[in-house]
Structures are given as C-alpha cells and as structure tokens.
N, C-alpha and C. Protein backbone atom coordinates (compact mmCIF):
# COMPACT_ATOMS: atom_id res chain seq x y z
N MET A 1 81.43 60.76 129.63
CA MET A 1 80.94 60.35 128.32
C MET A 1 81.99 60.67 127.27
N ALA A 2 82.35 59.71 126.48
CA ALA A 2 83.38 59.88 125.45
C ALA A 2 82.81 60.63 124.24
N VAL A 3 83.63 61.47 123.68
CA VAL A 3 83.24 62.20 122.48
C VAL A 3 83.49 61.30 121.27
N ALA A 4 82.49 61.21 120.41
CA ALA A 4 82.62 60.36 119.22
C ALA A 4 83.65 60.94 118.26
N ALA A 5 84.47 60.07 117.73
CA ALA A 5 85.48 60.50 116.76
C ALA A 5 84.80 60.79 115.42
N PRO A 6 85.31 61.77 114.68
CA PRO A 6 84.72 62.05 113.37
C PRO A 6 84.93 60.86 112.43
N SER A 7 83.98 60.67 111.56
CA SER A 7 84.07 59.55 110.62
C SER A 7 85.22 59.78 109.63
N PRO A 8 85.73 58.71 109.04
CA PRO A 8 86.77 58.86 108.02
C PRO A 8 86.30 59.74 106.86
N LYS A 9 85.01 59.65 106.53
CA LYS A 9 84.46 60.48 105.44
C LYS A 9 84.55 61.96 105.80
N LEU A 10 84.18 62.33 107.03
CA LEU A 10 84.27 63.73 107.45
C LEU A 10 85.72 64.20 107.46
N GLN A 11 86.63 63.34 107.88
CA GLN A 11 88.05 63.71 107.87
C GLN A 11 88.55 63.93 106.45
N ALA A 12 88.11 63.10 105.51
CA ALA A 12 88.49 63.26 104.11
C ALA A 12 87.88 64.54 103.53
N LEU A 13 86.63 64.83 103.90
CA LEU A 13 85.99 66.07 103.44
C LEU A 13 86.74 67.29 103.95
N LEU A 14 87.19 67.24 105.19
CA LEU A 14 87.95 68.36 105.74
C LEU A 14 89.19 68.62 104.89
N LYS A 15 89.91 67.58 104.53
CA LYS A 15 91.12 67.76 103.70
C LYS A 15 90.77 68.39 102.36
N GLU A 16 89.67 67.95 101.76
CA GLU A 16 89.25 68.52 100.47
C GLU A 16 88.92 70.00 100.62
N PHE A 17 88.16 70.35 101.66
CA PHE A 17 87.80 71.75 101.88
C PHE A 17 89.04 72.60 102.20
N GLN A 18 90.00 72.05 102.92
CA GLN A 18 91.23 72.79 103.20
C GLN A 18 92.00 73.08 101.92
N GLN A 19 92.03 72.13 100.99
CA GLN A 19 92.69 72.36 99.71
C GLN A 19 91.99 73.45 98.92
N LEU A 20 90.66 73.43 98.91
CA LEU A 20 89.91 74.47 98.21
C LEU A 20 90.20 75.84 98.81
N ALA A 21 90.15 75.93 100.13
CA ALA A 21 90.35 77.21 100.79
C ALA A 21 91.76 77.75 100.57
N GLY A 22 92.73 76.86 100.43
CA GLY A 22 94.11 77.29 100.20
C GLY A 22 94.32 78.00 98.88
N MET A 23 93.36 77.92 97.98
CA MET A 23 93.49 78.60 96.69
C MET A 23 93.53 80.12 96.86
N ALA A 24 92.74 80.65 97.79
CA ALA A 24 92.65 82.10 97.96
C ALA A 24 92.07 82.43 99.33
N GLY A 25 92.63 81.84 100.38
CA GLY A 25 92.12 82.12 101.71
C GLY A 25 92.53 81.02 102.67
N TYR A 26 91.67 80.80 103.66
CA TYR A 26 91.95 79.74 104.63
C TYR A 26 90.66 79.25 105.25
N LEU A 27 90.77 78.20 106.08
CA LEU A 27 89.61 77.53 106.65
C LEU A 27 89.86 77.21 108.11
N ASN A 28 88.89 77.53 108.94
CA ASN A 28 88.85 77.05 110.33
C ASN A 28 87.75 76.00 110.39
N HIS A 29 87.89 75.04 111.30
CA HIS A 29 86.89 73.97 111.35
C HIS A 29 86.73 73.44 112.76
N GLY A 30 85.69 72.68 112.93
CA GLY A 30 85.46 71.96 114.17
C GLY A 30 84.59 70.75 113.88
N PHE A 31 84.92 69.63 114.48
CA PHE A 31 84.11 68.43 114.34
C PHE A 31 83.04 68.44 115.42
N ASP A 32 81.81 68.23 115.00
CA ASP A 32 80.67 68.12 115.90
C ASP A 32 79.85 66.93 115.40
N PRO A 33 80.42 65.68 115.56
CA PRO A 33 79.79 64.51 114.93
C PRO A 33 78.29 64.48 115.16
N PRO A 34 77.53 64.23 114.11
CA PRO A 34 77.95 63.78 112.78
C PRO A 34 78.20 64.93 111.79
N GLN A 35 78.49 66.12 112.28
CA GLN A 35 78.70 67.26 111.39
C GLN A 35 80.13 67.75 111.45
N LEU A 36 80.50 68.43 110.38
CA LEU A 36 81.77 69.15 110.31
C LEU A 36 81.42 70.61 110.12
N ARG A 37 81.81 71.44 111.08
CA ARG A 37 81.55 72.89 110.99
C ARG A 37 82.73 73.55 110.30
N LEU A 38 82.43 74.43 109.35
CA LEU A 38 83.47 75.07 108.54
C LEU A 38 83.29 76.58 108.55
N GLN A 39 84.39 77.31 108.75
CA GLN A 39 84.38 78.76 108.64
C GLN A 39 85.47 79.14 107.64
N PHE A 40 85.04 79.64 106.51
CA PHE A 40 85.94 79.99 105.42
C PHE A 40 86.25 81.48 105.43
N THR A 41 87.46 81.84 105.04
CA THR A 41 87.81 83.22 104.72
C THR A 41 88.37 83.21 103.31
N LEU A 42 87.76 84.00 102.45
CA LEU A 42 88.14 84.09 101.05
C LEU A 42 88.66 85.49 100.78
N TYR A 43 89.80 85.59 100.09
CA TYR A 43 90.39 86.89 99.77
C TYR A 43 90.02 87.30 98.36
N GLY A 44 89.40 88.46 98.22
CA GLY A 44 89.25 89.11 96.92
C GLY A 44 90.38 90.12 96.83
N ARG A 45 91.34 89.89 95.96
CA ARG A 45 92.57 90.69 95.97
C ARG A 45 92.85 91.26 94.58
N LEU A 46 93.20 92.55 94.54
CA LEU A 46 93.59 93.21 93.30
C LEU A 46 94.89 93.96 93.50
N ARG A 47 95.69 93.98 92.47
CA ARG A 47 96.90 94.81 92.49
C ARG A 47 96.67 95.95 91.51
N MET A 48 96.85 97.18 91.99
CA MET A 48 96.60 98.38 91.19
C MET A 48 97.89 99.17 91.05
N GLU A 49 97.98 99.95 89.98
CA GLU A 49 99.20 100.73 89.71
C GLU A 49 99.38 101.89 90.69
N THR A 50 98.28 102.56 91.05
CA THR A 50 98.38 103.73 91.93
C THR A 50 97.49 103.55 93.15
N GLU A 51 97.78 104.31 94.18
CA GLU A 51 96.96 104.26 95.38
C GLU A 51 95.55 104.76 95.08
N GLY A 52 95.45 105.79 94.23
CA GLY A 52 94.14 106.31 93.83
C GLY A 52 93.29 105.26 93.13
N ALA A 53 93.92 104.49 92.25
CA ALA A 53 93.19 103.42 91.55
C ALA A 53 92.74 102.35 92.55
N ALA A 54 93.57 102.09 93.56
CA ALA A 54 93.21 101.10 94.58
C ALA A 54 92.00 101.59 95.38
N VAL A 55 91.99 102.87 95.74
CA VAL A 55 90.85 103.44 96.48
C VAL A 55 89.58 103.35 95.63
N GLU A 56 89.71 103.66 94.34
CA GLU A 56 88.55 103.60 93.44
C GLU A 56 88.05 102.17 93.24
N ALA A 57 88.90 101.19 93.39
CA ALA A 57 88.51 99.79 93.19
C ALA A 57 87.75 99.21 94.38
N ILE A 58 87.83 99.84 95.54
CA ILE A 58 87.22 99.28 96.75
C ILE A 58 85.71 99.06 96.60
N PRO A 59 84.92 100.05 96.15
CA PRO A 59 83.47 99.79 96.04
C PRO A 59 83.14 98.62 95.09
N ARG A 60 83.87 98.54 94.00
CA ARG A 60 83.62 97.46 93.04
C ARG A 60 84.03 96.11 93.65
N LEU A 61 85.11 96.10 94.39
CA LEU A 61 85.56 94.86 95.04
C LEU A 61 84.58 94.44 96.14
N GLN A 62 84.04 95.42 96.86
CA GLN A 62 83.01 95.10 97.86
C GLN A 62 81.77 94.51 97.20
N ALA A 63 81.34 95.14 96.09
CA ALA A 63 80.17 94.63 95.38
C ALA A 63 80.43 93.23 94.84
N TRP A 64 81.65 93.00 94.36
CA TRP A 64 82.03 91.66 93.89
C TRP A 64 81.89 90.65 95.03
N SER A 65 82.37 91.02 96.22
CA SER A 65 82.31 90.13 97.38
C SER A 65 80.87 89.86 97.80
N GLU A 66 80.04 90.91 97.80
CA GLU A 66 78.63 90.74 98.17
C GLU A 66 77.93 89.80 97.19
N ALA A 67 78.20 89.99 95.90
CA ALA A 67 77.59 89.11 94.89
C ALA A 67 78.08 87.68 95.05
N LEU A 68 79.36 87.52 95.37
CA LEU A 68 79.93 86.19 95.56
C LEU A 68 79.29 85.49 96.76
N LEU A 69 79.11 86.21 97.86
CA LEU A 69 78.47 85.61 99.04
C LEU A 69 77.02 85.23 98.75
N LEU A 70 76.32 86.07 98.00
CA LEU A 70 74.94 85.77 97.63
C LEU A 70 74.88 84.52 96.75
N LYS A 71 75.79 84.42 95.80
CA LYS A 71 75.85 83.24 94.91
C LYS A 71 76.19 81.98 95.71
N LEU A 72 77.11 82.10 96.67
CA LEU A 72 77.43 80.95 97.53
C LEU A 72 76.17 80.43 98.23
N ARG A 73 75.41 81.35 98.78
CA ARG A 73 74.19 80.97 99.50
C ARG A 73 73.19 80.31 98.57
N GLU A 74 73.00 80.91 97.39
CA GLU A 74 72.05 80.34 96.43
C GLU A 74 72.51 78.98 95.91
N ASP A 75 73.78 78.88 95.53
CA ASP A 75 74.29 77.63 94.96
C ASP A 75 74.33 76.48 95.97
N SER A 76 74.38 76.82 97.24
CA SER A 76 74.41 75.78 98.28
C SER A 76 73.01 75.48 98.83
N ALA A 77 71.99 76.04 98.19
CA ALA A 77 70.60 75.85 98.64
C ALA A 77 70.42 76.30 100.10
N GLY A 78 71.10 77.39 100.46
CA GLY A 78 70.96 77.96 101.79
C GLY A 78 71.80 77.30 102.86
N ALA A 79 72.60 76.30 102.50
CA ALA A 79 73.43 75.61 103.50
C ALA A 79 74.57 76.50 104.00
N ILE A 80 75.01 77.43 103.16
CA ILE A 80 76.04 78.39 103.57
C ILE A 80 75.32 79.61 104.13
N LEU A 81 75.66 79.98 105.34
CA LEU A 81 74.99 81.10 106.01
C LEU A 81 75.46 82.43 105.43
N PRO A 82 74.66 83.51 105.61
CA PRO A 82 75.09 84.82 105.11
C PRO A 82 76.47 85.17 105.69
N GLY A 83 77.30 85.74 104.85
CA GLY A 83 78.68 86.03 105.25
C GLY A 83 78.90 87.47 105.67
N GLN A 84 80.14 87.76 105.99
CA GLN A 84 80.57 89.10 106.37
C GLN A 84 81.72 89.51 105.47
N ILE A 85 81.83 90.83 105.24
CA ILE A 85 82.88 91.37 104.38
C ILE A 85 83.69 92.38 105.19
N LEU A 86 85.00 92.30 105.05
CA LEU A 86 85.91 93.23 105.71
C LEU A 86 86.90 93.75 104.67
N VAL A 87 87.00 95.07 104.55
CA VAL A 87 87.96 95.67 103.63
C VAL A 87 89.25 95.93 104.41
N ALA A 88 90.35 95.37 103.92
CA ALA A 88 91.65 95.57 104.55
C ALA A 88 92.25 96.89 104.07
N PRO A 89 93.13 97.50 104.86
CA PRO A 89 93.80 98.72 104.41
C PRO A 89 94.62 98.46 103.15
N ILE A 90 94.69 99.44 102.30
CA ILE A 90 95.50 99.34 101.07
C ILE A 90 96.97 99.24 101.47
N GLN A 91 97.68 98.33 100.81
CA GLN A 91 99.09 98.09 101.13
C GLN A 91 99.96 98.34 99.90
N PRO A 92 101.11 99.01 100.08
CA PRO A 92 102.04 99.13 98.95
C PRO A 92 102.62 97.75 98.63
N PHE A 93 102.81 97.49 97.35
CA PHE A 93 103.36 96.22 96.90
C PHE A 93 104.85 96.39 96.67
N GLN A 94 105.66 95.42 97.08
CA GLN A 94 107.12 95.56 97.00
C GLN A 94 107.61 95.83 95.58
N GLY A 95 106.98 95.23 94.59
CA GLY A 95 107.41 95.41 93.21
C GLY A 95 106.81 96.63 92.55
N GLY A 96 106.14 97.48 93.30
CA GLY A 96 105.46 98.65 92.76
C GLY A 96 103.96 98.42 92.73
N GLY A 97 103.23 99.48 92.83
CA GLY A 97 101.78 99.39 92.84
C GLY A 97 101.24 99.18 94.25
N PHE A 98 99.96 98.92 94.32
CA PHE A 98 99.27 98.78 95.60
C PHE A 98 98.32 97.59 95.54
N THR A 99 98.13 96.96 96.69
CA THR A 99 97.23 95.81 96.80
C THR A 99 96.04 96.19 97.65
N VAL A 100 94.85 95.87 97.16
CA VAL A 100 93.63 96.06 97.93
C VAL A 100 92.99 94.68 98.10
N VAL A 101 92.57 94.40 99.34
CA VAL A 101 92.03 93.07 99.67
C VAL A 101 90.70 93.23 100.41
N VAL A 102 89.74 92.42 100.01
CA VAL A 102 88.48 92.31 100.72
C VAL A 102 88.37 90.86 101.20
N ASN A 103 88.14 90.69 102.49
CA ASN A 103 87.97 89.35 103.07
C ASN A 103 86.48 89.05 103.19
N ALA A 104 86.07 87.94 102.63
CA ALA A 104 84.69 87.47 102.78
C ALA A 104 84.73 86.23 103.67
N THR A 105 84.00 86.26 104.77
CA THR A 105 83.97 85.15 105.72
C THR A 105 82.57 84.54 105.72
N PHE A 106 82.51 83.22 105.63
CA PHE A 106 81.21 82.54 105.63
C PHE A 106 81.33 81.19 106.32
N THR A 107 80.20 80.70 106.83
CA THR A 107 80.20 79.44 107.59
C THR A 107 79.16 78.48 107.04
N THR A 108 79.38 77.21 107.35
CA THR A 108 78.44 76.16 106.97
C THR A 108 78.72 74.92 107.81
N LYS A 109 77.85 73.94 107.68
CA LYS A 109 78.04 72.63 108.28
C LYS A 109 77.79 71.60 107.20
N VAL A 110 78.56 70.52 107.21
CA VAL A 110 78.33 69.42 106.28
C VAL A 110 78.31 68.11 107.06
N THR A 111 77.71 67.11 106.44
CA THR A 111 77.70 65.76 107.01
C THR A 111 78.28 64.79 105.98
N ASP A 112 78.39 63.54 106.37
CA ASP A 112 78.90 62.51 105.46
C ASP A 112 78.15 62.49 104.13
N SER A 113 76.85 62.73 104.19
CA SER A 113 76.04 62.61 102.98
C SER A 113 75.55 63.96 102.44
N GLY A 114 75.66 65.02 103.22
CA GLY A 114 75.14 66.31 102.79
C GLY A 114 76.23 67.34 102.59
N TYR A 115 76.98 67.21 101.52
CA TYR A 115 78.10 68.12 101.31
C TYR A 115 78.27 68.57 99.86
N PHE A 116 77.66 67.89 98.90
CA PHE A 116 77.99 68.12 97.49
C PHE A 116 77.69 69.55 97.03
N LYS A 117 76.50 70.08 97.35
CA LYS A 117 76.18 71.45 96.92
C LYS A 117 77.11 72.46 97.56
N VAL A 118 77.46 72.25 98.82
CA VAL A 118 78.38 73.16 99.51
C VAL A 118 79.75 73.11 98.84
N LYS A 119 80.24 71.91 98.58
CA LYS A 119 81.56 71.75 97.97
C LYS A 119 81.61 72.39 96.59
N THR A 120 80.57 72.19 95.79
CA THR A 120 80.51 72.77 94.45
C THR A 120 80.48 74.30 94.52
N ALA A 121 79.68 74.86 95.43
CA ALA A 121 79.58 76.31 95.57
C ALA A 121 80.90 76.91 96.05
N VAL A 122 81.54 76.27 97.01
CA VAL A 122 82.82 76.76 97.55
C VAL A 122 83.90 76.70 96.48
N LEU A 123 83.96 75.62 95.73
CA LEU A 123 84.95 75.50 94.65
C LEU A 123 84.78 76.64 93.65
N ALA A 124 83.56 76.91 93.22
CA ALA A 124 83.31 77.98 92.25
C ALA A 124 83.73 79.34 92.82
N ALA A 125 83.46 79.59 94.09
CA ALA A 125 83.81 80.87 94.70
C ALA A 125 85.32 81.06 94.76
N TYR A 126 86.04 80.04 95.18
CA TYR A 126 87.50 80.16 95.27
C TYR A 126 88.13 80.24 93.88
N GLN A 127 87.57 79.55 92.89
CA GLN A 127 88.07 79.69 91.52
C GLN A 127 87.88 81.11 91.02
N GLU A 128 86.75 81.73 91.35
CA GLU A 128 86.50 83.12 90.95
C GLU A 128 87.49 84.05 91.65
N ALA A 129 87.81 83.80 92.90
CA ALA A 129 88.79 84.63 93.61
C ALA A 129 90.17 84.52 92.97
N VAL A 130 90.55 83.34 92.54
CA VAL A 130 91.83 83.16 91.86
C VAL A 130 91.82 83.89 90.52
N ARG A 131 90.71 83.77 89.79
CA ARG A 131 90.59 84.48 88.51
C ARG A 131 90.72 85.99 88.71
N LEU A 132 90.06 86.52 89.72
CA LEU A 132 90.14 87.95 90.01
C LEU A 132 91.57 88.35 90.34
N ARG A 133 92.24 87.58 91.17
CA ARG A 133 93.62 87.89 91.56
C ARG A 133 94.55 87.90 90.35
N GLU A 134 94.35 86.95 89.44
CA GLU A 134 95.26 86.82 88.30
C GLU A 134 94.92 87.74 87.14
N ALA A 135 93.63 88.03 86.92
CA ALA A 135 93.22 88.79 85.74
C ALA A 135 92.53 90.11 86.06
N GLY A 136 92.14 90.34 87.30
CA GLY A 136 91.42 91.57 87.65
C GLY A 136 89.99 91.52 87.14
N PHE A 137 89.34 92.68 87.20
CA PHE A 137 87.98 92.77 86.70
C PHE A 137 88.01 92.81 85.17
N PRO A 138 87.08 92.13 84.52
CA PRO A 138 87.01 92.24 83.06
C PRO A 138 86.70 93.68 82.68
N GLU A 139 87.39 94.21 81.69
CA GLU A 139 87.21 95.61 81.29
C GLU A 139 85.81 95.90 80.79
N ALA A 140 85.24 94.98 80.04
CA ALA A 140 83.94 95.22 79.43
C ALA A 140 82.77 94.89 80.36
N ALA A 141 83.07 94.36 81.51
CA ALA A 141 81.99 93.93 82.40
C ALA A 141 81.32 95.13 83.06
N PRO A 142 79.99 95.13 83.08
CA PRO A 142 79.30 96.22 83.77
C PRO A 142 79.48 96.06 85.28
N PRO A 143 79.27 97.13 86.03
CA PRO A 143 79.38 97.02 87.49
C PRO A 143 78.40 95.96 88.01
N VAL A 144 78.78 95.32 89.07
CA VAL A 144 77.94 94.28 89.68
C VAL A 144 76.73 94.94 90.31
N SER A 145 75.54 94.40 90.03
CA SER A 145 74.34 94.93 90.67
C SER A 145 73.74 93.83 91.52
N LEU A 146 73.31 94.20 92.69
CA LEU A 146 72.73 93.23 93.62
C LEU A 146 71.23 93.44 93.71
N PRO A 147 70.47 92.38 93.93
CA PRO A 147 69.03 92.54 94.10
C PRO A 147 68.74 93.35 95.35
N GLU A 148 67.69 94.12 95.28
CA GLU A 148 67.31 94.98 96.42
C GLU A 148 66.53 94.18 97.44
C-alpha cells in the first residue's frame, strides 16, 4: 500500500512553521496525511553579568517558560499539548557574562484547514522568546504567577 504524499498546503505550512521556529529554537516534524505532526523546541535565553545573577534568574526563567506553555495551550484552544521544560547548564559567554537557557518543548498536529489558532499561538510565543533574548525581563514587571 502506497503512502499518501502530503498535500501542497501541508508542505507550505511546514515551511511557515520552520520559519517561526527559527526565530528562537527549532522544529521537528512528520507527515501523517492528512495531518502534519510538529514538535517545537523554544529557547528562553538570558545573558547575565555574573554567574550568581544567572543562577538567580533560573526560577524566574522557569516560571516564564511555564506561563508561556500555558498560554500556548490556551491560545491554541488545546491543540498544543502540555509541554516540557529543561534548564540547560549556565554557560560563560565569550564576550563576558553568562548565558542561562531554558528549553520549552511542545507538540501539536495541524491539518490543511485546522492550523490558524496553532500558528497564531506559536508566532506569539516565539516573538516573546525573541523579546526576552533581546531585552530581558522588564524591570517593573512583577514575578510571573501561575494558576494553582
């Protein structure tokens, strides 16, 4: 039995999702016609002046990632499955300072017609990751609180 080729629409969607993921992470995928399975990895990354500041930033970065994964799930109407968070070891930065990274991994499936909410949610998440990387946490922002 021959395996059905993915539709041109699914192939185009894959390219769009790959571009989004390239902003601050990467994407693994698989075609399962009529669906496209997607596994995203998003980097929450901060550069800190001292190793101590990097260690202190980890809980806030984890909370940021947890809130981001929750928002992804809500904004996609549950189409994005609950994700996982992994804190990478703190790394010295060549130009001075230290980098702390939290990887958030999440999965979903889309079809030719059922992708808009997922695409919108993923775009917002990757834009937030870029904002965090470039500007850090807002100074006046209260700590992120998650629903119990």
